[in-house]
PDB file of N, CA and C in Angstrom:
ATOM      1  N   MET A   1     -93.442 -70.643 -27.089  1.00  0.00           N
ATOM      2  CA  MET A   1     -94.378 -71.545 -26.056  1.00  0.00           C
ATOM      3  C   MET A   1     -93.794 -72.429 -24.746  1.00  0.00           C
ATOM      4  N   LYS A   2     -94.138 -72.658 -24.220  1.00  0.00           N
ATOM      5  CA  LYS A   2     -93.886 -73.696 -23.191  1.00  0.00           C
ATOM      6  C   LYS A   2     -94.372 -75.080 -23.326  1.00  0.00           C
ATOM      7  N   PRO A   3     -93.583 -75.905 -23.088  1.00  0.00           N
ATOM      8  CA  PRO A   3     -93.903 -77.191 -23.509  1.00  0.00           C
ATOM      9  C   PRO A   3     -95.189 -77.667 -23.131  1.00  0.00           C
ATOM     10  N   SER A   4     -95.656 -77.228 -21.712  1.00  0.00           N
ATOM     11  CA  SER A   4     -96.233 -77.603 -20.858  1.00  0.00           C
ATOM     12  C   SER A   4     -97.797 -77.293 -21.198  1.00  0.00           C
ATOM     13  N   LEU A   5     -97.878 -76.233 -22.339  1.00  0.00           N
ATOM     14  CA  LEU A   5     -98.896 -75.672 -22.819  1.00  0.00           C
ATOM     15  C   LEU A   5     -99.059 -76.680 -24.157  1.00  0.00           C
ATOM     16  N   GLN A   6     -98.405 -77.679 -24.193  1.00  0.00           N
ATOM     17  CA  GLN A   6     -98.347 -78.150 -25.698  1.00  0.00           C
ATOM     18  C   GLN A   6     -98.642 -80.163 -25.259  1.00  0.00           C
ATOM     19  N   ILE A   7     -99.468 -80.326 -24.631  1.00  0.00           N
ATOM     20  CA  ILE A   7     -99.423 -81.635 -23.710  1.00  0.00           C
ATOM     21  C   ILE A   7    -100.775 -81.715 -24.341  1.00  0.00           C
ATOM     22  N   LYS A   8    -100.991 -83.341 -24.721  1.00  0.00           N
ATOM     23  CA  LYS A   8    -102.329 -83.504 -25.130  1.00  0.00           C
ATOM     24  C   LYS A   8    -102.628 -85.008 -25.140  1.00  0.00           C
ATOM     25  N   PRO A   9    -104.013 -85.612 -24.497  1.00  0.00           N
ATOM     26  CA  PRO A   9    -103.851 -86.803 -24.475  1.00  0.00           C
ATOM     27  C   PRO A   9    -103.956 -87.713 -26.039  1.00  0.00           C
ATOM     28  N   LEU A  10    -103.500 -89.295 -25.722  1.00  0.00           N
ATOM     29  CA  LEU A  10    -103.498 -89.845 -27.157  1.00  0.00           C
ATOM     30  C   LEU A  10    -104.373 -89.667 -27.651  1.00  0.00           C
ATOM     31  N   SER A  11    -105.923 -89.756 -27.350  1.00  0.00           N
ATOM     32  CA  SER A  11    -107.150 -89.633 -28.030  1.00  0.00           C
ATOM     33  C   SER A  11    -107.105 -88.269 -28.743  1.00  0.00           C
ATOM     34  N   TYR A  12    -106.681 -86.867 -28.545  1.00  0.00           N
ATOM     35  CA  TYR A  12    -106.670 -85.835 -29.001  1.00  0.00           C
ATOM     36  C   TYR A  12    -105.559 -86.053 -30.267  1.00  0.00           C
ATOM     37  N   LEU A  13    -104.650 -86.659 -30.394  1.00  0.00           N
ATOM     38  CA  LEU A  13    -103.641 -87.083 -31.109  1.00  0.00           C
ATOM     39  C   LEU A  13    -104.338 -87.903 -32.221  1.00  0.00           C
ATOM     40  N   LYS A  14    -105.091 -89.051 -31.968  1.00  0.00           N
ATOM     41  CA  LYS A  14    -105.914 -89.824 -32.728  1.00  0.00           C
ATOM     42  C   LYS A  14    -107.253 -88.839 -33.533  1.00  0.00           C
ATOM     43  N   ALA A  15    -107.757 -88.037 -32.882  1.00  0.00           N
ATOM     44  CA  ALA A  15    -108.881 -87.262 -33.443  1.00  0.00           C
ATOM     45  C   ALA A  15    -108.480 -86.315 -34.294  1.00  0.00           C
ATOM     46  N   HIS A  16    -107.369 -85.893 -34.123  1.00  0.00           N
ATOM     47  CA  HIS A  16    -107.089 -84.719 -34.812  1.00  0.00           C
ATOM     48  C   HIS A  16    -105.444 -84.512 -35.329  1.00  0.00           C
ATOM     49  N   ALA A  17    -105.231 -85.447 -35.612  1.00  0.00           N
ATOM     50  CA  ALA A  17    -103.774 -85.958 -36.915  1.00  0.00           C
ATOM     51  C   ALA A  17    -103.769 -84.579 -37.433  1.00  0.00           C
ATOM     52  N   PRO A  18    -104.271 -84.674 -38.767  1.00  0.00           N
ATOM     53  CA  PRO A  18    -104.074 -83.771 -39.670  1.00  0.00           C
ATOM     54  C   PRO A  18    -103.423 -82.279 -38.703  1.00  0.00           C
ATOM     55  N   GLU A  19    -104.428 -81.623 -38.078  1.00  0.00           N
ATOM     56  CA  GLU A  19    -104.253 -80.010 -37.385  1.00  0.00           C
ATOM     57  C   GLU A  19    -103.003 -80.080 -36.492  1.00  0.00           C
ATOM     58  N   VAL A  20    -102.990 -81.700 -35.540  1.00  0.00           N
ATOM     59  CA  VAL A  20    -101.590 -81.596 -35.120  1.00  0.00           C
ATOM     60  C   VAL A  20    -100.074 -81.207 -35.897  1.00  0.00           C
ATOM     61  N   ILE A  21    -100.265 -82.194 -36.987  1.00  0.00           N
ATOM     62  CA  ILE A  21     -99.253 -81.920 -37.851  1.00  0.00           C
ATOM     63  C   ILE A  21     -99.110 -80.735 -38.461  1.00  0.00           C
ATOM     64  N   ARG A  22    -100.197 -80.154 -38.923  1.00  0.00           N
ATOM     65  CA  ARG A  22    -100.050 -78.335 -38.955  1.00  0.00           C
ATOM     66  C   ARG A  22     -99.403 -77.647 -37.960  1.00  0.00           C
ATOM     67  N   GLN A  23    -100.098 -77.973 -36.866  1.00  0.00           N
ATOM     68  CA  GLN A  23     -99.415 -77.190 -35.485  1.00  0.00           C
ATOM     69  C   GLN A  23     -98.154 -77.350 -35.681  1.00  0.00           C
ATOM     70  N   LEU A  24     -97.891 -78.353 -35.609  1.00  0.00           N
ATOM     71  CA  LEU A  24     -96.346 -78.667 -35.013  1.00  0.00           C
ATOM     72  C   LEU A  24     -95.074 -78.155 -36.178  1.00  0.00           C
ATOM     73  N   ASN A  25     -95.645 -78.198 -37.586  1.00  0.00           N
ATOM     74  CA  ASN A  25     -95.027 -77.702 -38.535  1.00  0.00           C
ATOM     75  C   ASN A  25     -94.830 -75.963 -38.515  1.00  0.00           C
ATOM     76  N   GLU A  26     -96.018 -75.418 -38.049  1.00  0.00           N
ATOM     77  CA  GLU A  26     -96.009 -73.939 -37.701  1.00  0.00           C
ATOM     78  C   GLU A  26     -95.387 -73.559 -36.489  1.00  0.00           C
ATOM     79  N   ARG A  27     -95.722 -73.929 -35.635  1.00  0.00           N
ATOM     80  CA  ARG A  27     -94.872 -73.386 -33.968  1.00  0.00           C
ATOM     81  C   ARG A  27     -93.504 -74.166 -33.689  1.00  0.00           C
ATOM     82  N   LYS A  28     -93.165 -75.083 -34.500  1.00  0.00           N
ATOM     83  CA  LYS A  28     -91.628 -75.754 -34.199  1.00  0.00           C
ATOM     84  C   LYS A  28     -91.783 -75.919 -32.923  1.00  0.00           C
ATOM     85  N   GLN A  29     -92.637 -76.578 -31.931  1.00  0.00           N
ATOM     86  CA  GLN A  29     -92.791 -76.856 -30.908  1.00  0.00           C
ATOM     87  C   GLN A  29     -93.090 -78.421 -30.546  1.00  0.00           C
ATOM     88  N   PRO A  30     -91.940 -78.949 -29.762  1.00  0.00           N
ATOM     89  CA  PRO A  30     -92.923 -80.292 -29.589  1.00  0.00           C
ATOM     90  C   PRO A  30     -94.244 -80.524 -28.967  1.00  0.00           C
ATOM     91  N   MET A  31     -94.856 -81.440 -28.829  1.00  0.00           N
ATOM     92  CA  MET A  31     -96.096 -82.006 -28.333  1.00  0.00           C
ATOM     93  C   MET A  31     -95.623 -82.891 -27.626  1.00  0.00           C
ATOM     94  N   ILE A  32     -96.278 -82.962 -26.078  1.00  0.00           N
ATOM     95  CA  ILE A  32     -96.373 -84.132 -25.684  1.00  0.00           C
ATOM     96  C   ILE A  32     -97.853 -84.744 -25.743  1.00  0.00           C
ATOM     97  N   ILE A  33     -97.727 -86.139 -25.555  1.00  0.00           N
ATOM     98  CA  ILE A  33     -98.878 -86.952 -25.688  1.00  0.00           C
ATOM     99  C   ILE A  33     -98.958 -87.852 -24.405  1.00  0.00           C
ATOM    100  N   THR A  34     -99.666 -87.780 -24.041  1.00  0.00           N
ATOM    101  CA  THR A  34    -100.446 -88.909 -22.563  1.00  0.00           C
ATOM    102  C   THR A  34    -101.073 -89.658 -22.793  1.00  0.00           C
ATOM    103  N   GLN A  35    -100.903 -90.930 -22.175  1.00  0.00           N
ATOM    104  CA  GLN A  35    -101.873 -91.775 -21.925  1.00  0.00           C
ATOM    105  C   GLN A  35    -102.059 -92.539 -20.481  1.00  0.00           C
ATOM    106  N   ASN A  36    -103.422 -92.488 -20.263  1.00  0.00           N
ATOM    107  CA  ASN A  36    -103.667 -92.745 -18.998  1.00  0.00           C
ATOM    108  C   ASN A  36    -102.846 -91.182 -17.954  1.00  0.00           C
ATOM    109  N   GLY A  37    -103.028 -90.118 -18.063  1.00  0.00           N
ATOM    110  CA  GLY A  37    -102.733 -89.252 -17.615  1.00  0.00           C
ATOM    111  C   GLY A  37    -100.934 -89.209 -17.452  1.00  0.00           C
ATOM    112  N   GLU A  38    -100.357 -90.181 -18.091  1.00  0.00           N
ATOM    113  CA  GLU A  38     -98.969 -90.184 -17.978  1.00  0.00           C
ATOM    114  C   GLU A  38     -98.403 -89.782 -19.401  1.00  0.00           C
ATOM    115  N   ALA A  39     -97.280 -88.622 -19.623  1.00  0.00           N
ATOM    116  CA  ALA A  39     -96.456 -88.168 -20.600  1.00  0.00           C
ATOM    117  C   ALA A  39     -95.887 -89.971 -20.914  1.00  0.00           C
ATOM    118  N   LYS A  40     -95.850 -90.048 -22.431  1.00  0.00           N
ATOM    119  CA  LYS A  40     -95.519 -91.046 -22.919  1.00  0.00           C
ATOM    120  C   LYS A  40     -94.564 -91.210 -24.149  1.00  0.00           C
ATOM    121  N   LEU A  41     -94.836 -90.053 -24.640  1.00  0.00           N
ATOM    122  CA  LEU A  41     -94.058 -90.079 -26.094  1.00  0.00           C
ATOM    123  C   LEU A  41     -93.925 -88.645 -26.506  1.00  0.00           C
ATOM    124  N   VAL A  42     -93.102 -87.818 -27.136  1.00  0.00           N
ATOM    125  CA  VAL A  42     -92.952 -86.243 -27.669  1.00  0.00           C
ATOM    126  C   VAL A  42     -93.299 -86.489 -29.148  1.00  0.00           C
ATOM    127  N   VAL A  43     -94.109 -85.873 -29.946  1.00  0.00           N
ATOM    128  CA  VAL A  43     -93.874 -85.687 -31.064  1.00  0.00           C
ATOM    129  C   VAL A  43     -93.654 -84.290 -31.665  1.00  0.00           C
ATOM    130  N   GLN A  44     -92.822 -84.271 -32.879  1.00  0.00           N
ATOM    131  CA  GLN A  44     -92.375 -82.961 -33.150  1.00  0.00           C
ATOM    132  C   GLN A  44     -91.914 -82.940 -34.923  1.00  0.00           C
ATOM    133  N   ASP A  45     -92.054 -82.199 -35.467  1.00  0.00           N
ATOM    134  CA  ASP A  45     -91.988 -81.895 -36.971  1.00  0.00           C
ATOM    135  C   ASP A  45     -90.496 -82.250 -37.293  1.00  0.00           C
ATOM    136  N   ILE A  46     -90.405 -82.586 -38.431  1.00  0.00           N
ATOM    137  CA  ILE A  46     -89.113 -83.537 -39.073  1.00  0.00           C
ATOM    138  C   ILE A  46     -88.202 -82.613 -38.806  1.00  0.00           C
ATOM    139  N   LYS A  47     -88.402 -81.306 -39.617  1.00  0.00           N
ATOM    140  CA  LYS A  47     -87.049 -80.306 -39.493  1.00  0.00           C
ATOM    141  C   LYS A  47     -86.300 -80.021 -38.259  1.00  0.00           C
ATOM    142  N   SER A  48     -86.887 -79.781 -37.239  1.00  0.00           N
ATOM    143  CA  SER A  48     -86.906 -79.433 -35.717  1.00  0.00           C
ATOM    144  C   SER A  48     -86.291 -80.972 -35.196  1.00  0.00           C
ATOM    145  N   TYR A  49     -86.609 -82.099 -35.304  1.00  0.00           N
ATOM    146  CA  TYR A  49     -85.866 -83.085 -35.163  1.00  0.00           C
ATOM    147  C   TYR A  49     -84.461 -83.502 -35.847  1.00  0.00           C
ATOM    148  N   GLU A  50     -84.348 -83.158 -37.099  1.00  0.00           N
ATOM    149  CA  GLU A  50     -83.310 -83.051 -37.843  1.00  0.00           C
ATOM    150  C   GLU A  50     -82.139 -82.263 -37.599  1.00  0.00           C
ATOM    151  N   GLU A  51     -82.514 -80.940 -36.968  1.00  0.00           N
ATOM    152  CA  GLU A  51     -81.843 -79.989 -36.158  1.00  0.00           C
ATOM    153  C   GLU A  51     -81.335 -80.222 -35.083  1.00  0.00           C
ATOM    154  N   ASN A  52     -82.376 -80.729 -34.182  1.00  0.00           N
ATOM    155  CA  ASN A  52     -81.862 -81.470 -33.110  1.00  0.00           C
ATOM    156  C   ASN A  52     -80.901 -82.703 -33.084  1.00  0.00           C
ATOM    157  N   GLU A  53     -80.859 -83.445 -33.974  1.00  0.00           N
ATOM    158  CA  GLU A  53     -80.047 -84.496 -34.449  1.00  0.00           C
ATOM    159  C   GLU A  53     -78.658 -83.735 -34.669  1.00  0.00           C
ATOM    160  N   GLU A  54     -78.604 -83.131 -35.159  1.00  0.00           N
ATOM    161  CA  GLU A  54     -77.493 -82.552 -36.103  1.00  0.00           C
ATOM    162  C   GLU A  54     -76.770 -81.720 -34.874  1.00  0.00           C
ATOM    163  N   THR A  55     -77.636 -80.816 -34.000  1.00  0.00           N
ATOM    164  CA  THR A  55     -76.813 -80.279 -32.763  1.00  0.00           C
ATOM    165  C   THR A  55     -76.317 -81.445 -31.617  1.00  0.00           C
ATOM    166  N   LEU A  56     -76.988 -82.594 -31.195  1.00  0.00           N
ATOM    167  CA  LEU A  56     -76.222 -83.612 -30.810  1.00  0.00           C
ATOM    168  C   LEU A  56     -75.409 -84.421 -31.058  1.00  0.00           C
ATOM    169  N   ALA A  57     -75.453 -84.363 -32.480  1.00  0.00           N
ATOM    170  CA  ALA A  57     -73.833 -85.129 -33.260  1.00  0.00           C
ATOM    171  C   ALA A  57     -72.999 -83.586 -33.128  1.00  0.00           C
ATOM    172  N   LEU A  58     -72.944 -82.559 -33.237  1.00  0.00           N
ATOM    173  CA  LEU A  58     -72.071 -81.681 -33.311  1.00  0.00           C
ATOM    174  C   LEU A  58     -71.355 -81.824 -31.781  1.00  0.00           C
ATOM    175  N   LEU A  59     -72.372 -81.582 -30.567  1.00  0.00           N
ATOM    176  CA  LEU A  59     -71.990 -81.753 -29.179  1.00  0.00           C
ATOM    177  C   LEU A  59     -71.141 -82.835 -28.935  1.00  0.00           C
ATOM    178  N   LYS A  60     -71.414 -83.913 -29.667  1.00  0.00           N
ATOM    179  CA  LYS A  60     -70.655 -85.010 -29.077  1.00  0.00           C
ATOM    180  C   LYS A  60     -68.847 -84.928 -29.787  1.00  0.00           C
ATOM    181  N   ILE A  61     -69.010 -84.375 -31.090  1.00  0.00           N
ATOM    182  CA  ILE A  61     -67.806 -84.278 -31.498  1.00  0.00           C
ATOM    183  C   ILE A  61     -67.268 -83.512 -30.697  1.00  0.00           C
ATOM    184  N   LEU A  62     -67.909 -82.249 -30.231  1.00  0.00           N
ATOM    185  CA  LEU A  62     -67.022 -81.157 -29.274  1.00  0.00           C
ATOM    186  C   LEU A  62     -66.600 -82.110 -27.836  1.00  0.00           C
ATOM    187  N   ALA A  63     -67.560 -82.713 -27.509  1.00  0.00           N
ATOM    188  CA  ALA A  63     -66.831 -83.928 -26.177  1.00  0.00           C
ATOM    189  C   ALA A  63     -65.926 -84.701 -26.468  1.00  0.00           C
ATOM    190  N   LEU A  64     -66.119 -85.728 -27.683  1.00  0.00           N
ATOM    191  CA  LEU A  64     -64.703 -86.245 -27.969  1.00  0.00           C
ATOM    192  C   LEU A  64     -63.489 -85.322 -27.907  1.00  0.00           C
ATOM    193  N   GLY A  65     -63.338 -84.163 -28.612  1.00  0.00           N
ATOM    194  CA  GLY A  65     -62.118 -83.199 -28.891  1.00  0.00           C
ATOM    195  C   GLY A  65     -61.825 -82.768 -27.587  1.00  0.00           C
ATOM    196  N   ASP A  66     -62.911 -82.505 -26.634  1.00  0.00           N
ATOM    197  CA  ASP A  66     -62.839 -82.126 -25.188  1.00  0.00           C
ATOM    198  C   ASP A  66     -62.191 -83.080 -24.424  1.00  0.00           C
ATOM    199  N   GLY A  67     -62.181 -84.391 -24.077  1.00  0.00           N
ATOM    200  CA  GLY A  67     -61.890 -85.603 -24.110  1.00  0.00           C
ATOM    201  C   GLY A  67     -60.268 -86.158 -24.443  1.00  0.00           C
ATOM    202  N   GLN A  68     -60.098 -85.702 -25.926  1.00  0.00           N
ATOM    203  CA  GLN A  68     -58.698 -85.779 -26.257  1.00  0.00           C
ATOM    204  C   GLN A  68     -57.908 -84.582 -25.589  1.00  0.00           C
ATOM    205  N   ILE A  69     -58.214 -83.730 -25.740  1.00  0.00           N
ATOM    206  CA  ILE A  69     -57.773 -82.550 -24.847  1.00  0.00           C
ATOM    207  C   ILE A  69     -57.301 -82.458 -23.413  1.00  0.00           C
ATOM    208  N   LYS A  70     -58.184 -83.114 -22.764  1.00  0.00           N
ATOM    209  CA  LYS A  70     -57.860 -83.570 -21.532  1.00  0.00           C
ATOM    210  C   LYS A  70     -56.700 -84.598 -21.620  1.00  0.00           C
ATOM    211  N   GLN A  71     -56.945 -85.535 -22.194  1.00  0.00           N
ATOM    212  CA  GLN A  71     -55.835 -86.947 -22.505  1.00  0.00           C
ATOM    213  C   GLN A  71     -54.541 -86.519 -22.671  1.00  0.00           C
ATOM    214  N   GLY A  72     -54.078 -85.207 -23.259  1.00  0.00           N
ATOM    215  CA  GLY A  72     -53.296 -84.788 -23.887  1.00  0.00           C
ATOM    216  C   GLY A  72     -52.829 -85.107 -25.711  1.00  0.00           C
ATOM    217  N   MET A  73     -53.871 -86.043 -25.904  1.00  0.00           N
ATOM    218  CA  MET A  73     -53.972 -86.264 -27.527  1.00  0.00           C
ATOM    219  C   MET A  73     -53.940 -85.327 -28.488  1.00  0.00           C
ATOM    220  N   VAL A  74     -53.186 -84.706 -28.656  1.00  0.00           N
ATOM    221  CA  VAL A  74     -53.324 -83.201 -29.258  1.00  0.00           C
ATOM    222  C   VAL A  74     -51.992 -82.990 -30.142  1.00  0.00           C
ATOM    223  N   THR A  75     -51.939 -82.490 -30.824  1.00  0.00           N
ATOM    224  CA  THR A  75     -50.901 -82.082 -32.282  1.00  0.00           C
ATOM    225  C   THR A  75     -50.730 -80.562 -32.293  1.00  0.00           C
ATOM    226  N   PRO A  76     -49.758 -80.093 -31.887  1.00  0.00           N
ATOM    227  CA  PRO A  76     -49.961 -78.667 -32.242  1.00  0.00           C
ATOM    228  C   PRO A  76     -49.947 -78.322 -33.831  1.00  0.00           C
ATOM    229  N   ALA A  77     -50.572 -77.310 -34.089  1.00  0.00           N
ATOM    230  CA  ALA A  77     -51.098 -77.149 -35.435  1.00  0.00           C
ATOM    231  C   ALA A  77     -49.949 -76.883 -36.089  1.00  0.00           C
ATOM    232  N   LYS A  78     -48.844 -76.353 -35.688  1.00  0.00           N
ATOM    233  CA  LYS A  78     -47.378 -76.092 -36.740  1.00  0.00           C
ATOM    234  C   LYS A  78     -46.839 -77.897 -36.980  1.00  0.00           C
ATOM    235  N   ALA A  79     -46.870 -78.706 -35.890  1.00  0.00           N
ATOM    236  CA  ALA A  79     -46.517 -79.749 -36.135  1.00  0.00           C
ATOM    237  C   ALA A  79     -47.524 -80.602 -36.678  1.00  0.00           C
ATOM    238  N   ALA A  80     -48.673 -80.625 -36.864  1.00  0.00           N
ATOM    239  CA  ALA A  80     -49.403 -81.065 -38.206  1.00  0.00           C
ATOM    240  C   ALA A  80     -49.520 -80.510 -39.425  1.00  0.00           C
ATOM    241  N   THR A  81     -49.606 -79.324 -39.507  1.00  0.00           N
ATOM    242  CA  THR A  81     -49.212 -78.676 -40.771  1.00  0.00           C
ATOM    243  C   THR A  81     -47.813 -79.415 -41.708  1.00  0.00           C
ATOM    244  N   HIS A  82     -46.614 -79.611 -40.675  1.00  0.00           N
ATOM    245  CA  HIS A  82     -45.614 -80.023 -41.632  1.00  0.00           C
ATOM    246  C   HIS A  82     -45.756 -81.229 -41.321  1.00  0.00           C
ATOM    247  N   HIS A  83     -46.420 -82.187 -40.918  1.00  0.00           N
ATOM    248  CA  HIS A  83     -46.404 -83.766 -41.143  1.00  0.00           C
ATOM    249  C   HIS A  83     -47.393 -83.613 -42.339  1.00  0.00           C
ATOM    250  N   ILE A  84     -48.456 -82.812 -42.649  1.00  0.00           N
ATOM    251  CA  ILE A  84     -49.320 -83.076 -43.866  1.00  0.00           C
ATOM    252  C   ILE A  84     -48.298 -82.615 -45.237  1.00  0.00           C
ATOM    253  N   ARG A  85     -47.680 -81.380 -45.121  1.00  0.00           N
ATOM    254  CA  ARG A  85     -47.054 -81.030 -45.906  1.00  0.00           C
ATOM    255  C   ARG A  85     -45.508 -82.077 -46.316  1.00  0.00           C
ATOM    256  N   GLN A  86     -45.372 -82.881 -45.341  1.00  0.00           N
ATOM    257  CA  GLN A  86     -44.218 -84.007 -45.535  1.00  0.00           C
ATOM    258  C   GLN A  86     -44.709 -84.916 -46.504  1.00  0.00           C
ATOM    259  N   ARG A  87     -46.154 -85.507 -45.776  1.00  0.00           N
ATOM    260  CA  ARG A  87     -46.965 -86.614 -46.539  1.00  0.00           C
ATOM    261  C   ARG A  87     -47.170 -86.144 -48.020  1.00  0.00           C
ATOM    262  N   ARG A  88     -47.654 -84.503 -48.189  1.00  0.00           N
ATOM    263  CA  ARG A  88     -47.708 -84.315 -49.909  1.00  0.00           C
ATOM    264  C   ARG A  88     -46.593 -84.605 -50.519  1.00  0.00           C
ATOM    265  N   LYS A  89     -45.433 -84.344 -49.899  1.00  0.00           N
ATOM    266  CA  LYS A  89     -44.042 -84.241 -50.797  1.00  0.00           C
ATOM    267  C   LYS A  89     -43.743 -85.343 -51.290  1.00  0.00           C
ATOM    268  N   GLN A  90     -44.099 -86.783 -50.192  1.00  0.00           N
ATOM    269  CA  GLN A  90     -43.908 -88.204 -50.551  1.00  0.00           C
ATOM    270  C   GLN A  90     -44.840 -88.297 -51.644  1.00  0.00           C
ATOM    271  N   ARG A  91     -45.945 -88.020 -51.818  1.00  0.00           N
ATOM    272  CA  ARG A  91     -47.208 -88.772 -52.866  1.00  0.00           C
ATOM    273  C   ARG A  91     -46.534 -88.380 -54.343  1.00  0.00           C
ATOM    274  N   ILE A  92     -46.074 -86.890 -54.530  1.00  0.00           N
ATOM    275  CA  ILE A  92     -45.809 -86.615 -55.603  1.00  0.00           C
ATOM    276  C   ILE A  92     -44.267 -87.001 -56.224  1.00  0.00           C
TER     277      ILE A  92
END
C-alpha cells in the first residue's frame, strides 16, 4: 500500500486509536499523521520499527567498513588469521 493512502489527520488518530493500532499491526505500513494539513509525524507498529532500526544499524556498519577499505585500513585475511593464532599460542 502506498504511504499516500495512509495519511490521516490527528483527530482521526485520537478518535480511532485502537483501530489505527490494529491496522498498523496488520498492514505493516506506516501511517502519516497531519496537523492543520501538514504532515507532522509517522506512526508504525513496533516490529516494523525494530526491523528498520536493525537495518539502519547494519547499513551504518557497512558504511564504516567501506570507509575503512577506502582509507586502506584493512588487513588481509591470511595476515589476520596468522595474528590471531599467534595471540592464542601466547595465552596457552
